């Protein structure tokens, strides 16, 4: 039983669920009051300073991938299908999370050079010539490599 005037501070848990967590501006003072921090994310973006802070916190980190990056990063998170074409506008560095299907079109080399990582919770398909850029791709589903010059038909096609 607490008497009048007694102050009891209870440490709380912080649970963060997100596709991409940019932790590069984290401050230790704001996070030190938590007893436990649980982070569930596809991508954790850190720099040298924030990595040190996160290592000192009582944190459980469930990240598919941790990326150490500097400067501006375009973060694209899509619930649904997403297409990368030659007209796709991205910053100099980009991270893409797709909860759906990803389609990469022919002639997207310059766009793909800007992408640090792509995470797809669904399926992905890309032209064969784009294969060298697909080492940045993580897919929780099927991956289909289409030979260049092929014409894709719908699953049900009537002549």
N, C-alpha and C. Protein backbone atom coordinates (compact mmCIF):
# COMPACT_ATOMS: atom_id res chain seq x y z
N UNK A 1 0.85 -1.17 0.00
CA UNK A 1 0.00 0.00 0.00
C UNK A 1 0.89 1.23 0.00
N UNK A 2 0.51 2.19 -0.82
CA UNK A 2 1.30 3.42 -0.90
C UNK A 2 0.64 4.50 -0.09
N UNK A 3 1.48 5.22 0.64
CA UNK A 3 0.95 6.34 1.41
C UNK A 3 0.87 7.59 0.56
N UNK A 4 0.21 8.60 1.07
CA UNK A 4 0.06 9.87 0.36
C UNK A 4 1.45 10.47 0.13
N UNK A 5 1.68 10.91 -1.10
CA UNK A 5 2.94 11.55 -1.43
C UNK A 5 4.01 10.59 -1.94
N UNK A 6 3.74 9.29 -1.84
CA UNK A 6 4.71 8.35 -2.39
C UNK A 6 4.62 8.38 -3.91
N UNK A 7 5.76 8.39 -4.54
CA UNK A 7 5.82 8.37 -6.00
C UNK A 7 6.52 7.10 -6.41
N UNK A 8 5.86 6.34 -7.25
CA UNK A 8 6.46 5.11 -7.72
C UNK A 8 6.55 5.18 -9.24
N UNK A 9 7.74 5.10 -9.75
CA UNK A 9 7.94 5.10 -11.19
C UNK A 9 8.10 3.65 -11.63
N UNK A 10 7.27 3.26 -12.56
CA UNK A 10 7.36 1.92 -13.11
C UNK A 10 7.98 2.02 -14.49
N UNK A 11 9.01 1.24 -14.70
CA UNK A 11 9.59 1.20 -16.02
C UNK A 11 8.66 0.41 -16.92
N UNK A 12 8.52 0.85 -18.13
CA UNK A 12 7.61 0.23 -19.09
C UNK A 12 8.39 -0.40 -20.22
N UNK A 13 7.69 -1.24 -20.98
CA UNK A 13 8.25 -1.82 -22.19
C UNK A 13 7.80 -1.00 -23.38
N UNK A 14 8.67 -0.89 -24.36
CA UNK A 14 8.35 -0.21 -25.61
C UNK A 14 8.44 -1.25 -26.71
N UNK A 15 7.35 -1.39 -27.47
CA UNK A 15 7.32 -2.34 -28.59
C UNK A 15 7.10 -1.53 -29.86
N UNK A 16 8.00 -1.70 -30.83
CA UNK A 16 7.92 -1.00 -32.10
C UNK A 16 7.81 -2.04 -33.21
N UNK A 17 6.75 -1.96 -34.01
CA UNK A 17 6.53 -2.84 -35.16
C UNK A 17 6.47 -1.96 -36.41
N UNK A 18 7.40 -2.17 -37.35
CA UNK A 18 7.39 -1.35 -38.56
C UNK A 18 8.14 -2.07 -39.68
N UNK A 19 7.93 -1.60 -40.91
CA UNK A 19 8.66 -2.16 -42.05
C UNK A 19 10.10 -1.68 -42.05
N UNK A 20 10.27 -0.36 -41.93
CA UNK A 20 11.60 0.24 -41.94
C UNK A 20 11.72 1.14 -40.72
N UNK A 21 12.76 0.93 -39.91
CA UNK A 21 13.00 1.75 -38.73
C UNK A 21 14.29 2.54 -38.94
N UNK A 22 14.16 3.85 -39.08
CA UNK A 22 15.33 4.72 -39.23
C UNK A 22 15.71 5.21 -37.83
N UNK A 23 16.70 4.56 -37.24
CA UNK A 23 17.10 4.85 -35.86
C UNK A 23 18.29 5.79 -35.79
N UNK A 24 18.63 6.48 -36.87
CA UNK A 24 19.84 7.30 -36.90
C UNK A 24 19.75 8.56 -36.05
N UNK A 25 18.54 8.95 -35.64
CA UNK A 25 18.41 10.15 -34.80
C UNK A 25 17.99 9.81 -33.37
N UNK A 26 18.14 8.54 -32.99
CA UNK A 26 17.74 8.11 -31.65
C UNK A 26 18.61 8.82 -30.60
N UNK A 27 17.97 9.17 -29.47
CA UNK A 27 18.67 9.81 -28.35
C UNK A 27 18.56 8.87 -27.14
N UNK A 28 19.68 8.62 -26.51
CA UNK A 28 19.71 7.70 -25.37
C UNK A 28 18.83 8.21 -24.24
N UNK A 29 18.78 9.52 -24.01
CA UNK A 29 17.99 10.08 -22.92
C UNK A 29 16.51 9.72 -23.06
N UNK A 30 16.01 9.74 -24.27
CA UNK A 30 14.60 9.45 -24.49
C UNK A 30 14.25 7.97 -24.38
N UNK A 31 15.23 7.11 -24.50
CA UNK A 31 14.97 5.68 -24.49
C UNK A 31 15.39 4.99 -23.21
N UNK A 32 16.17 5.66 -22.38
CA UNK A 32 16.74 5.01 -21.20
C UNK A 32 15.71 4.70 -20.11
N UNK A 33 14.54 5.28 -20.18
CA UNK A 33 13.53 5.04 -19.16
C UNK A 33 12.78 3.74 -19.33
N UNK A 34 13.03 3.03 -20.41
CA UNK A 34 12.32 1.78 -20.66
C UNK A 34 13.07 0.60 -20.07
N UNK A 35 12.31 -0.31 -19.50
CA UNK A 35 12.90 -1.53 -18.95
C UNK A 35 13.36 -2.46 -20.08
N UNK A 36 12.56 -2.51 -21.13
CA UNK A 36 12.89 -3.35 -22.28
C UNK A 36 12.29 -2.73 -23.53
N UNK A 37 13.06 -2.77 -24.61
CA UNK A 37 12.61 -2.24 -25.90
C UNK A 37 12.63 -3.40 -26.89
N UNK A 38 11.51 -3.62 -27.53
CA UNK A 38 11.40 -4.68 -28.53
C UNK A 38 11.14 -4.03 -29.88
N UNK A 39 12.02 -4.29 -30.82
CA UNK A 39 11.92 -3.71 -32.15
C UNK A 39 11.75 -4.82 -33.17
N UNK A 40 10.63 -4.81 -33.89
CA UNK A 40 10.34 -5.77 -34.95
C UNK A 40 10.27 -5.01 -36.26
N UNK A 41 11.24 -5.26 -37.15
CA UNK A 41 11.31 -4.50 -38.40
C UNK A 41 11.96 -5.32 -39.50
N UNK A 42 11.67 -4.96 -40.74
CA UNK A 42 12.36 -5.59 -41.87
C UNK A 42 13.75 -4.99 -42.01
N UNK A 43 13.84 -3.65 -41.99
CA UNK A 43 15.12 -2.96 -42.13
C UNK A 43 15.34 -2.01 -40.97
N UNK A 44 16.50 -2.09 -40.37
CA UNK A 44 16.91 -1.14 -39.34
C UNK A 44 18.03 -0.29 -39.93
N UNK A 45 17.79 1.02 -40.04
CA UNK A 45 18.79 1.94 -40.57
C UNK A 45 19.52 2.58 -39.40
N UNK A 46 20.85 2.47 -39.40
CA UNK A 46 21.68 3.02 -38.32
C UNK A 46 22.89 3.72 -38.93
N UNK A 47 23.55 4.53 -38.11
CA UNK A 47 24.87 5.04 -38.42
C UNK A 47 25.77 4.67 -37.24
N UNK A 48 27.01 5.06 -37.28
CA UNK A 48 27.96 4.65 -36.23
C UNK A 48 27.50 5.12 -34.85
N UNK A 49 27.01 6.37 -34.74
CA UNK A 49 26.57 6.93 -33.47
C UNK A 49 25.36 6.17 -32.92
N UNK A 50 24.34 5.98 -33.75
CA UNK A 50 23.12 5.32 -33.28
C UNK A 50 23.34 3.84 -32.97
N UNK A 51 24.24 3.20 -33.69
CA UNK A 51 24.55 1.80 -33.40
C UNK A 51 25.09 1.66 -31.97
N UNK A 52 25.96 2.60 -31.56
CA UNK A 52 26.50 2.59 -30.20
C UNK A 52 25.42 2.80 -29.16
N UNK A 53 24.49 3.71 -29.42
CA UNK A 53 23.40 3.97 -28.48
C UNK A 53 22.51 2.74 -28.36
N UNK A 54 22.13 2.16 -29.49
CA UNK A 54 21.25 0.99 -29.47
C UNK A 54 21.90 -0.19 -28.74
N UNK A 55 23.20 -0.32 -28.84
CA UNK A 55 23.90 -1.41 -28.15
C UNK A 55 23.89 -1.23 -26.63
N UNK A 56 23.71 0.00 -26.16
CA UNK A 56 23.68 0.26 -24.72
C UNK A 56 22.29 0.18 -24.12
N UNK A 57 21.28 0.01 -24.95
CA UNK A 57 19.90 -0.03 -24.47
C UNK A 57 19.46 -1.47 -24.21
N UNK A 58 18.47 -1.66 -23.32
CA UNK A 58 17.94 -3.00 -23.07
C UNK A 58 17.00 -3.41 -24.22
N UNK A 59 17.59 -3.74 -25.35
CA UNK A 59 16.82 -3.91 -26.58
C UNK A 59 16.86 -5.35 -27.09
N UNK A 60 15.71 -5.80 -27.55
CA UNK A 60 15.59 -7.03 -28.32
C UNK A 60 15.25 -6.58 -29.73
N UNK A 61 16.15 -6.84 -30.66
CA UNK A 61 15.98 -6.36 -32.02
C UNK A 61 15.72 -7.53 -32.96
N UNK A 62 14.52 -7.57 -33.52
CA UNK A 62 14.15 -8.59 -34.49
C UNK A 62 14.09 -7.91 -35.86
N UNK A 63 15.26 -7.75 -36.47
CA UNK A 63 15.36 -7.09 -37.78
C UNK A 63 15.85 -8.10 -38.81
N UNK A 64 15.22 -8.08 -39.97
CA UNK A 64 15.69 -8.94 -41.05
C UNK A 64 17.07 -8.50 -41.50
N UNK A 65 17.28 -7.19 -41.51
CA UNK A 65 18.57 -6.68 -41.96
C UNK A 65 18.85 -5.32 -41.32
N UNK A 66 20.11 -5.11 -40.94
CA UNK A 66 20.55 -3.82 -40.41
C UNK A 66 21.46 -3.19 -41.45
N UNK A 67 21.13 -1.97 -41.84
CA UNK A 67 21.91 -1.25 -42.84
C UNK A 67 22.56 -0.04 -42.21
N UNK A 68 23.86 0.07 -42.33
CA UNK A 68 24.56 1.26 -41.84
C UNK A 68 24.67 2.23 -43.01
N UNK A 69 23.99 3.37 -42.89
CA UNK A 69 23.93 4.35 -43.99
C UNK A 69 24.16 5.75 -43.45
N UNK A 70 24.66 6.60 -44.31
CA UNK A 70 24.85 8.01 -44.02
C UNK A 70 24.03 8.81 -45.01
N UNK A 71 23.61 10.00 -44.62
CA UNK A 71 22.90 10.89 -45.54
C UNK A 71 21.43 10.55 -45.69
N UNK A 72 20.81 11.20 -46.66
CA UNK A 72 19.38 11.02 -46.91
C UNK A 72 19.09 9.66 -47.53
N UNK A 73 18.03 9.03 -47.06
CA UNK A 73 17.58 7.75 -47.60
C UNK A 73 16.09 7.85 -47.88
N UNK A 74 15.68 7.55 -49.11
CA UNK A 74 14.26 7.48 -49.45
C UNK A 74 13.73 6.15 -48.94
N UNK A 75 12.66 6.19 -48.18
CA UNK A 75 12.04 4.98 -47.66
C UNK A 75 10.68 4.83 -48.32
N UNK A 76 10.51 3.72 -49.02
CA UNK A 76 9.24 3.45 -49.69
C UNK A 76 8.67 2.17 -49.10
N UNK A 77 7.49 2.28 -48.51
CA UNK A 77 6.80 1.14 -47.94
C UNK A 77 5.44 1.04 -48.62
N UNK A 78 5.20 -0.10 -49.27
CA UNK A 78 4.00 -0.26 -50.09
C UNK A 78 3.20 -1.47 -49.60
N UNK A 79 1.93 -1.26 -49.33
CA UNK A 79 1.01 -2.36 -49.05
C UNK A 79 0.21 -2.59 -50.33
N UNK A 80 0.64 -3.56 -51.10
CA UNK A 80 0.05 -3.84 -52.40
C UNK A 80 1.17 -4.08 -53.39
N UNK A 81 0.82 -4.12 -54.65
CA UNK A 81 1.81 -4.38 -55.69
C UNK A 81 2.60 -3.13 -56.01
N UNK A 82 3.86 -3.32 -56.46
CA UNK A 82 4.74 -2.20 -56.78
C UNK A 82 5.53 -2.55 -58.03
N UNK A 83 5.74 -1.54 -58.87
CA UNK A 83 6.48 -1.73 -60.11
C UNK A 83 7.64 -0.75 -60.17
N UNK A 84 8.79 -1.25 -60.54
CA UNK A 84 9.95 -0.39 -60.77
C UNK A 84 10.17 -0.32 -62.27
N UNK A 85 10.06 0.90 -62.79
CA UNK A 85 10.26 1.12 -64.23
C UNK A 85 11.31 2.21 -64.40
N UNK A 86 11.62 2.54 -65.63
CA UNK A 86 12.58 3.59 -65.90
C UNK A 86 12.12 4.95 -65.43
N UNK A 87 10.81 5.11 -65.18
CA UNK A 87 10.24 6.39 -64.72
C UNK A 87 10.12 6.49 -63.21
N UNK A 88 10.52 5.45 -62.47
CA UNK A 88 10.42 5.47 -61.02
C UNK A 88 11.39 6.50 -60.45
N UNK A 89 10.88 7.42 -59.64
CA UNK A 89 11.70 8.47 -59.05
C UNK A 89 12.12 8.09 -57.64
N UNK A 90 13.44 8.08 -57.42
CA UNK A 90 13.99 7.78 -56.11
C UNK A 90 15.09 8.78 -55.79
N UNK A 91 15.41 8.92 -54.50
CA UNK A 91 16.56 9.72 -54.10
C UNK A 91 17.84 8.98 -54.44
N UNK A 92 18.98 9.52 -54.01
CA UNK A 92 20.26 8.89 -54.30
C UNK A 92 20.43 7.55 -53.61
N UNK A 93 19.75 7.35 -52.47
CA UNK A 93 19.77 6.08 -51.74
C UNK A 93 18.32 5.76 -51.38
N UNK A 94 17.91 4.51 -51.59
CA UNK A 94 16.53 4.14 -51.31
C UNK A 94 16.45 2.74 -50.71
N UNK A 95 15.45 2.55 -49.87
CA UNK A 95 15.09 1.27 -49.29
C UNK A 95 13.62 1.07 -49.61
N UNK A 96 13.28 -0.11 -50.13
CA UNK A 96 11.90 -0.38 -50.53
C UNK A 96 11.40 -1.63 -49.83
N UNK A 97 10.22 -1.53 -49.23
CA UNK A 97 9.53 -2.66 -48.60
C UNK A 97 8.19 -2.82 -49.30
N UNK A 98 7.94 -4.00 -49.86
CA UNK A 98 6.69 -4.25 -50.58
C UNK A 98 5.97 -5.41 -49.91
N UNK A 99 4.76 -5.16 -49.45
CA UNK A 99 3.89 -6.21 -48.94
C UNK A 99 2.89 -6.52 -50.04
N UNK A 100 3.33 -7.28 -51.00
CA UNK A 100 2.57 -7.59 -52.21
C UNK A 100 3.55 -8.13 -53.24
N UNK A 101 3.26 -7.88 -54.51
CA UNK A 101 4.11 -8.37 -55.58
C UNK A 101 4.94 -7.24 -56.17
N UNK A 102 6.19 -7.54 -56.50
CA UNK A 102 7.10 -6.58 -57.11
C UNK A 102 7.36 -6.99 -58.55
N UNK A 103 7.28 -6.02 -59.46
CA UNK A 103 7.62 -6.22 -60.86
C UNK A 103 8.70 -5.22 -61.22
N UNK A 104 9.81 -5.72 -61.76
CA UNK A 104 10.90 -4.86 -62.23
C UNK A 104 10.87 -4.93 -63.75
N UNK A 105 10.85 -3.79 -64.40
CA UNK A 105 10.79 -3.71 -65.86
C UNK A 105 12.18 -3.61 -66.46
N UNK A 106 12.26 -3.90 -67.73
CA UNK A 106 13.50 -3.81 -68.50
C UNK A 106 13.95 -2.35 -68.59
N UNK A 107 15.25 -2.11 -68.57
CA UNK A 107 15.79 -0.76 -68.71
C UNK A 107 15.76 0.07 -67.45
N UNK A 108 15.82 -0.58 -66.28
CA UNK A 108 15.76 0.15 -65.01
C UNK A 108 17.09 0.18 -64.28
N UNK A 109 18.18 -0.02 -65.00
CA UNK A 109 19.50 -0.09 -64.37
C UNK A 109 19.82 1.14 -63.52
N UNK A 110 19.56 2.33 -64.05
CA UNK A 110 19.89 3.57 -63.33
C UNK A 110 19.05 3.70 -62.05
N UNK A 111 17.82 3.26 -62.09
CA UNK A 111 16.95 3.30 -60.90
C UNK A 111 17.45 2.28 -59.88
N UNK A 112 17.77 1.07 -60.32
CA UNK A 112 18.20 0.01 -59.41
C UNK A 112 19.54 0.32 -58.75
N UNK A 113 20.39 1.11 -59.40
CA UNK A 113 21.67 1.49 -58.79
C UNK A 113 21.48 2.33 -57.52
N UNK A 114 20.35 3.02 -57.39
CA UNK A 114 20.08 3.87 -56.24
C UNK A 114 19.51 3.09 -55.05
N UNK A 115 19.10 1.86 -55.29
CA UNK A 115 18.42 1.08 -54.26
C UNK A 115 19.44 0.32 -53.41
N UNK A 116 19.37 0.55 -52.09
CA UNK A 116 20.24 -0.17 -51.16
C UNK A 116 19.73 -1.58 -50.93
N UNK A 117 18.43 -1.70 -50.66
CA UNK A 117 17.81 -3.00 -50.41
C UNK A 117 16.33 -2.94 -50.79
N UNK A 118 15.82 -4.13 -51.19
CA UNK A 118 14.40 -4.30 -51.46
C UNK A 118 13.95 -5.54 -50.69
N UNK A 119 12.88 -5.41 -49.92
CA UNK A 119 12.29 -6.52 -49.20
C UNK A 119 10.88 -6.73 -49.75
N UNK A 120 10.59 -7.95 -50.17
CA UNK A 120 9.27 -8.24 -50.73
C UNK A 120 8.63 -9.36 -49.93
N UNK A 121 7.48 -9.07 -49.35
CA UNK A 121 6.67 -10.09 -48.69
C UNK A 121 5.57 -10.45 -49.68
N UNK A 122 5.91 -11.28 -50.62
CA UNK A 122 5.04 -11.66 -51.74
C UNK A 122 5.92 -12.28 -52.80
N UNK A 123 5.64 -11.99 -54.06
CA UNK A 123 6.46 -12.54 -55.14
C UNK A 123 7.15 -11.41 -55.90
N UNK A 124 8.20 -11.78 -56.64
CA UNK A 124 8.94 -10.80 -57.43
C UNK A 124 9.24 -11.39 -58.79
N UNK A 125 9.20 -10.53 -59.81
CA UNK A 125 9.62 -10.97 -61.15
C UNK A 125 10.41 -9.83 -61.80
N UNK A 126 11.41 -10.25 -62.57
CA UNK A 126 12.29 -9.27 -63.20
C UNK A 126 12.88 -9.87 -64.48
N UNK A 127 13.27 -9.00 -65.42
CA UNK A 127 13.90 -9.48 -66.65
C UNK A 127 15.29 -10.06 -66.36
N UNK A 128 15.69 -11.01 -67.17
CA UNK A 128 16.96 -11.71 -66.98
C UNK A 128 18.15 -10.74 -66.93
N UNK A 129 18.14 -9.70 -67.75
CA UNK A 129 19.26 -8.76 -67.79
C UNK A 129 19.37 -7.91 -66.52
N UNK A 130 18.34 -7.88 -65.70
CA UNK A 130 18.37 -7.14 -64.44
C UNK A 130 18.93 -7.99 -63.30
N UNK A 131 19.27 -9.24 -63.59
CA UNK A 131 19.78 -10.17 -62.59
C UNK A 131 20.93 -9.64 -61.74
N UNK A 132 21.94 -8.95 -62.33
CA UNK A 132 23.04 -8.45 -61.50
C UNK A 132 22.62 -7.46 -60.41
N UNK A 133 21.47 -6.84 -60.55
CA UNK A 133 20.99 -5.87 -59.56
C UNK A 133 20.13 -6.53 -58.49
N UNK A 134 19.78 -7.78 -58.68
CA UNK A 134 18.85 -8.44 -57.77
C UNK A 134 19.52 -9.00 -56.52
N UNK A 135 20.83 -8.79 -56.36
CA UNK A 135 21.49 -9.20 -55.11
C UNK A 135 21.05 -8.31 -53.96
N UNK A 136 20.33 -7.25 -54.24
CA UNK A 136 19.80 -6.35 -53.21
C UNK A 136 18.37 -6.72 -52.82
N UNK A 137 17.88 -7.83 -53.35
CA UNK A 137 16.49 -8.23 -53.21
C UNK A 137 16.35 -9.39 -52.22
N UNK A 138 15.41 -9.25 -51.26
CA UNK A 138 15.04 -10.32 -50.35
C UNK A 138 13.55 -10.58 -50.56
N UNK A 139 13.20 -11.84 -50.82
CA UNK A 139 11.81 -12.17 -51.14
C UNK A 139 11.32 -13.29 -50.24
N UNK A 140 10.19 -13.07 -49.58
CA UNK A 140 9.51 -14.12 -48.81
C UNK A 140 8.37 -14.65 -49.68
N UNK A 141 8.72 -15.35 -50.72
CA UNK A 141 7.74 -15.86 -51.69
C UNK A 141 8.49 -16.34 -52.92
N UNK A 142 7.82 -16.32 -54.05
CA UNK A 142 8.44 -16.82 -55.27
C UNK A 142 9.16 -15.71 -56.04
N UNK A 143 10.20 -16.12 -56.77
CA UNK A 143 10.95 -15.20 -57.62
C UNK A 143 10.95 -15.77 -59.02
N UNK A 144 10.61 -14.92 -59.99
CA UNK A 144 10.54 -15.36 -61.36
C UNK A 144 11.43 -14.47 -62.22
N UNK A 145 12.37 -15.09 -62.92
CA UNK A 145 13.27 -14.39 -63.83
C UNK A 145 12.74 -14.61 -65.25
N UNK A 146 12.36 -13.54 -65.93
CA UNK A 146 11.76 -13.61 -67.26
C UNK A 146 12.85 -13.37 -68.31
N UNK A 147 13.01 -14.24 -69.29
CA UNK A 147 13.99 -13.99 -70.35
C UNK A 147 13.68 -12.68 -71.08
N UNK A 148 14.72 -11.91 -71.39
CA UNK A 148 14.54 -10.65 -72.10
C UNK A 148 13.87 -10.91 -73.46
N UNK A 149 12.99 -10.00 -73.85
CA UNK A 149 12.33 -10.10 -75.14
C UNK A 149 11.06 -10.93 -75.11
N UNK A 150 10.77 -11.59 -74.01
CA UNK A 150 9.54 -12.38 -73.91
C UNK A 150 8.35 -11.48 -73.67
N UNK A 151 7.22 -11.92 -74.14
CA UNK A 151 5.96 -11.22 -73.88
C UNK A 151 5.20 -12.05 -72.87
N UNK A 152 4.86 -11.42 -71.76
CA UNK A 152 4.11 -12.13 -70.72
C UNK A 152 2.63 -12.07 -71.02
N UNK A 153 1.99 -13.21 -70.89
CA UNK A 153 0.55 -13.28 -71.07
C UNK A 153 -0.10 -13.42 -69.71
N UNK A 154 -1.34 -13.02 -69.61
CA UNK A 154 -2.09 -13.22 -68.39
C UNK A 154 -2.27 -14.72 -68.16
N UNK A 155 -2.50 -15.13 -66.88
CA UNK A 155 -2.65 -16.56 -66.59
C UNK A 155 -3.75 -17.23 -67.44
N UNK A 156 -4.81 -16.50 -67.73
CA UNK A 156 -5.85 -17.03 -68.60
C UNK A 156 -5.82 -16.16 -69.86
N UNK A 157 -5.47 -16.79 -70.99
CA UNK A 157 -5.31 -16.05 -72.23
C UNK A 157 -6.19 -16.68 -73.30
N UNK A 158 -7.00 -15.85 -73.94
CA UNK A 158 -7.88 -16.34 -74.99
C UNK A 158 -7.43 -15.74 -76.32
N UNK A 159 -7.21 -16.60 -77.30
CA UNK A 159 -6.77 -16.14 -78.61
C UNK A 159 -7.97 -15.71 -79.42
